[in-house]
Amino acid sequence: MKFTCPNCRQPLLPENINVQTDLALCKACGQVSQLSKLVDADFDPAVLDHPPPGAWYQESMSECIFGATTRSPMAFFLVPFMCVWSGGSLGGIYGTQLVHGKFNLMISLFGIPFLIGTLMFGSIALMSVCGKLEVRIREGLGTVFIGVGRLGWTRRFNLAEVDFIEDSYTPGSRGSGSTSILLRGQSVLRFGSQLTEPRRYFILNVLKRLKAGSGASPRNLG
């Protein structure tokens, strides 16, 4: 992540940033800044004016609700793949037992990994068709919901206890990886890897904007 000096707007060099002490030095003007505050202030001020397709933002006097759909063109691949996977593997392993009315313990145990794989691929496929990520913040207390309809998982956070809000890349095997939103402070919360880059950028900047205006009502954050 790149930072600029709040005093002279010159870029801060990586060698002059100390994450451990939470300080950053601008060689151009000599300004010493708190790194966490630079992170909070580093957002696109026009982000709410141009949300990407599939993203939304709503506010009232006491609550902000914003999020984005996880719909993706990958559904055209994932859904047929999941149907072939579950139909071929589970149908062959468990379907034949049901048709013949005979239970085989060894074959059933052999099919457990295929059953787990079907559940995993099925949830990913379902999210790519009609899933969503939604964040609600009321009086500084936030919840992140990821799922389909009312089914999914919810995580909670306190915006006042968040020190850093940033894009975080997690490397995977064979050069693969994923980018997600990271809230880091007294605890760590990572989410949003299912979102497209424009939708994730939107959520990230809304969170930074709200963090920079902590203590103000939603309507006074402009």
Protein backbone atom coordinates (compact mmCIF):
# COMPACT_ATOMS: atom_id res chain seq x y z
CA MET A 1 0.00 0.00 0.00
CA LYS A 2 1.29 3.48 -0.89
CA PHE A 3 0.97 6.46 1.44
CA THR A 4 1.30 10.21 1.00
CA CYS A 5 2.29 12.85 3.52
CA PRO A 6 -0.78 14.69 4.90
CA ASN A 7 1.27 17.88 5.09
CA CYS A 8 2.98 18.19 1.67
CA ARG A 9 1.21 15.33 -0.21
CA GLN A 10 4.54 13.81 -1.27
CA PRO A 11 4.77 9.98 -1.39
CA LEU A 12 6.26 8.33 1.68
CA LEU A 13 9.14 5.98 1.03
CA PRO A 14 8.86 2.41 2.37
CA GLU A 15 12.16 2.75 4.27
CA ASN A 16 10.69 5.68 6.23
CA ILE A 17 7.65 3.73 7.41
CA ASN A 18 7.81 1.76 10.65
CA VAL A 19 4.81 -0.52 11.15
CA GLN A 20 5.99 -1.64 14.61
CA THR A 21 6.04 1.91 16.01
CA ASP A 22 3.05 3.02 13.88
CA LEU A 23 5.06 6.02 12.58
CA ALA A 24 5.93 7.36 9.14
CA LEU A 25 8.49 10.07 8.32
CA CYS A 26 8.24 12.36 5.29
CA LYS A 27 11.76 13.19 4.06
CA ALA A 28 10.41 16.04 1.95
CA CYS A 29 9.04 18.18 4.80
CA GLY A 30 10.05 16.34 7.98
CA GLN A 31 6.47 15.60 9.05
CA VAL A 32 6.08 12.55 11.34
CA SER A 33 2.64 10.94 11.07
CA GLN A 34 0.80 8.10 12.73
CA LEU A 35 0.66 5.30 10.18
CA SER A 36 -2.75 3.98 11.26
CA LYS A 37 -4.29 7.41 10.70
CA LEU A 38 -2.78 7.56 7.22
CA VAL A 39 -4.39 4.22 6.44
CA ASP A 40 -7.75 5.45 7.67
CA ALA A 41 -7.56 8.66 5.63
CA ASP A 42 -6.43 6.95 2.42
CA PHE A 43 -9.77 6.51 0.66
CA ASP A 44 -11.58 7.62 -2.46
CA PRO A 45 -13.89 10.49 -1.35
CA ALA A 46 -16.20 9.97 -4.34
CA VAL A 47 -16.70 6.26 -3.76
CA LEU A 48 -20.36 6.59 -2.72
CA ASP A 49 -21.20 8.66 -5.80
CA HIS A 50 -20.27 5.92 -8.25
CA PRO A 51 -20.87 2.44 -6.79
CA PRO A 52 -20.09 -0.34 -9.28
CA PRO A 53 -22.87 -2.54 -10.66
CA GLY A 54 -23.98 -5.03 -8.04
CA ALA A 55 -23.01 -2.81 -5.06
CA TRP A 56 -25.19 -0.67 -2.81
CA TYR A 57 -25.10 1.81 0.07
CA GLN A 58 -27.99 2.85 2.33
CA GLU A 59 -27.95 5.03 5.40
CA SER A 60 -30.27 6.30 8.09
CA MET A 61 -29.68 8.56 11.08
CA SER A 62 -28.20 5.66 13.06
CA GLU A 63 -27.09 2.92 10.67
CA CYS A 64 -25.13 2.36 7.47
CA ILE A 65 -25.82 -0.68 5.29
CA PHE A 66 -23.61 -1.41 2.31
CA GLY A 67 -22.57 -4.45 0.37
CA ALA A 68 -22.23 -6.16 -2.97
CA THR A 69 -23.39 -9.27 -4.71
CA THR A 70 -20.98 -12.16 -5.20
CA ARG A 71 -22.56 -13.08 -8.54
CA SER A 72 -19.91 -14.01 -11.06
CA PRO A 73 -19.62 -15.32 -14.65
CA MET A 74 -17.82 -18.28 -13.05
CA ALA A 75 -21.31 -19.62 -12.32
CA PHE A 76 -21.51 -20.77 -15.95
CA PHE A 77 -18.64 -23.13 -15.17
CA LEU A 78 -19.21 -23.92 -11.51
CA VAL A 79 -22.87 -24.93 -11.70
CA PRO A 80 -22.43 -27.55 -14.50
CA PHE A 81 -19.24 -28.80 -12.84
CA MET A 82 -21.00 -29.20 -9.50
CA CYS A 83 -23.90 -31.05 -11.14
CA VAL A 84 -21.53 -33.45 -12.92
CA TRP A 85 -19.46 -33.89 -9.75
CA SER A 86 -22.39 -34.60 -7.45
CA GLY A 87 -24.37 -36.57 -10.03
CA GLY A 88 -21.47 -38.80 -11.02
CA SER A 89 -19.78 -39.33 -7.68
CA LEU A 90 -22.68 -39.33 -5.21
CA GLY A 91 -25.07 -40.97 -7.65
CA GLY A 92 -22.63 -43.78 -8.31
CA ILE A 93 -21.65 -44.29 -4.67
CA TYR A 94 -24.89 -43.75 -2.77
CA GLY A 95 -27.50 -43.85 -5.53
CA THR A 96 -26.76 -47.44 -6.48
CA GLN A 97 -27.09 -48.49 -2.84
CA LEU A 98 -30.50 -46.85 -2.61
CA VAL A 99 -31.67 -48.39 -5.88
CA HIS A 100 -30.64 -51.90 -4.84
CA GLY A 101 -31.64 -51.44 -1.21
CA LYS A 102 -28.24 -52.62 0.02
CA PHE A 103 -25.89 -50.72 2.31
CA ASN A 104 -22.12 -51.10 1.91
CA LEU A 105 -20.13 -49.55 4.74
CA MET A 106 -16.78 -49.44 2.94
CA ILE A 107 -18.19 -47.85 -0.20
CA SER A 108 -20.14 -45.35 1.91
CA LEU A 109 -17.01 -44.36 3.82
CA PHE A 110 -15.13 -44.07 0.52
CA GLY A 111 -17.76 -41.59 -0.65
CA ILE A 112 -17.37 -39.17 2.30
CA PRO A 113 -14.63 -37.06 0.60
CA PHE A 114 -16.86 -36.77 -2.48
CA LEU A 115 -19.75 -35.70 -0.25
CA ILE A 116 -17.59 -33.02 1.38
CA GLY A 117 -16.39 -31.88 -2.04
CA THR A 118 -19.97 -31.60 -3.27
CA LEU A 119 -20.93 -29.43 -0.29
CA MET A 120 -17.88 -27.21 -0.82
CA PHE A 121 -18.31 -26.80 -4.59
CA GLY A 122 -22.06 -26.45 -4.12
CA SER A 123 -21.70 -23.53 -1.71
CA ILE A 124 -19.18 -21.81 -4.00
CA ALA A 125 -21.47 -22.31 -7.01
CA LEU A 126 -24.47 -21.00 -5.08
CA MET A 127 -22.55 -17.89 -4.01
CA SER A 128 -21.56 -17.25 -7.62
CA VAL A 129 -25.25 -17.33 -8.61
CA CYS A 130 -27.07 -15.45 -5.85
CA GLY A 131 -24.74 -14.75 -2.91
CA LYS A 132 -24.00 -11.42 -1.25
CA LEU A 133 -21.69 -9.69 1.21
CA GLU A 134 -23.34 -7.06 3.42
CA VAL A 135 -21.89 -4.84 6.14
CA ARG A 136 -24.02 -3.08 8.75
CA ILE A 137 -22.57 -0.46 11.10
CA ARG A 138 -24.57 1.07 13.95
CA GLU A 139 -22.89 3.37 16.49
CA GLY A 140 -19.46 2.01 15.58
CA LEU A 141 -20.42 -1.65 15.95
CA GLY A 142 -20.36 -3.60 12.72
CA THR A 143 -21.44 -6.96 11.33
CA VAL A 144 -20.30 -8.66 8.16
CA PHE A 145 -22.71 -11.17 6.59
CA ILE A 146 -21.72 -13.46 3.73
CA GLY A 147 -24.24 -15.92 2.35
CA VAL A 148 -27.39 -16.56 0.37
CA GLY A 149 -30.66 -15.12 1.65
CA ARG A 150 -30.55 -15.58 5.42
CA LEU A 151 -28.16 -18.54 5.25
CA GLY A 152 -24.50 -17.76 5.78
CA TRP A 153 -22.01 -16.64 8.39
CA THR A 154 -21.84 -13.41 10.35
CA ARG A 155 -18.81 -11.83 12.00
CA ARG A 156 -18.79 -8.79 14.31
CA PHE A 157 -16.27 -5.99 14.78
CA ASN A 158 -15.86 -2.70 16.61
CA LEU A 159 -14.79 0.07 14.21
CA ALA A 160 -13.05 1.95 17.02
CA GLU A 161 -10.79 -1.06 17.66
CA VAL A 162 -9.75 -1.38 14.00
CA ASP A 163 -6.26 0.02 13.36
CA PHE A 164 -5.81 -0.91 9.70
CA ILE A 165 -8.24 -1.39 6.82
CA GLU A 166 -6.51 -2.67 3.72
CA ASP A 167 -6.45 -4.98 0.75
CA SER A 168 -4.65 -8.17 1.71
CA TYR A 169 -3.28 -10.76 -0.70
CA THR A 170 -3.10 -14.34 0.51
CA PRO A 171 -0.82 -16.55 -1.61
CA GLY A 172 -2.05 -20.01 -2.51
CA SER A 173 -0.51 -23.14 -3.92
CA ARG A 174 1.07 -23.15 -7.40
CA GLY A 175 1.05 -19.38 -7.71
CA SER A 176 -2.66 -18.96 -7.02
CA GLY A 177 -4.00 -16.68 -4.34
CA SER A 178 -6.84 -14.40 -3.35
CA THR A 179 -7.27 -10.77 -2.33
CA SER A 180 -9.59 -9.83 0.51
CA ILE A 181 -10.42 -6.96 2.84
CA LEU A 182 -8.48 -7.06 6.10
CA LEU A 183 -9.59 -5.35 9.31
CA ARG A 184 -6.70 -5.51 11.75
CA GLY A 185 -6.62 -4.26 15.33
CA GLN A 186 -7.27 -6.07 18.60
CA SER A 187 -8.53 -8.89 16.40
CA VAL A 188 -8.26 -9.76 12.71
CA LEU A 189 -11.20 -10.05 10.31
CA ARG A 190 -10.70 -11.02 6.68
CA PHE A 191 -13.50 -11.17 4.09
CA GLY A 192 -14.50 -10.29 0.54
CA SER A 193 -12.36 -12.66 -1.52
CA GLN A 194 -15.52 -13.69 -3.42
CA LEU A 195 -16.08 -10.15 -4.70
CA THR A 196 -14.91 -8.75 -8.00
CA GLU A 197 -12.18 -6.12 -7.74
CA PRO A 198 -14.49 -3.09 -8.32
CA ARG A 199 -16.98 -4.32 -5.69
CA ARG A 200 -14.21 -5.08 -3.19
CA TYR A 201 -12.68 -1.64 -3.81
CA PHE A 202 -16.08 -0.07 -3.12
CA ILE A 203 -16.55 -1.92 0.20
CA LEU A 204 -12.96 -1.16 1.22
CA ASN A 205 -13.32 2.57 0.60
CA VAL A 206 -16.68 2.82 2.36
CA LEU A 207 -15.12 1.21 5.44
CA LYS A 208 -12.16 3.61 5.31
CA ARG A 209 -14.50 6.56 4.90
CA LEU A 210 -16.57 5.51 7.91
CA LYS A 211 -13.43 4.89 9.96
CA ALA A 212 -12.07 8.34 9.10
CA GLY A 213 -15.38 9.83 10.27
CA SER A 214 -15.74 7.70 13.41
CA GLY A 215 -17.87 9.46 15.96
CA ALA A 216 -19.95 11.33 13.38
CA SER A 217 -23.43 10.32 12.35
CA PRO A 218 -23.68 8.65 8.90
CA ARG A 219 -25.17 11.78 7.32
CA ASN A 220 -22.23 13.92 8.46
CA LEU A 221 -19.55 11.88 6.71
CA GLY A 222 -19.51 13.77 3.44
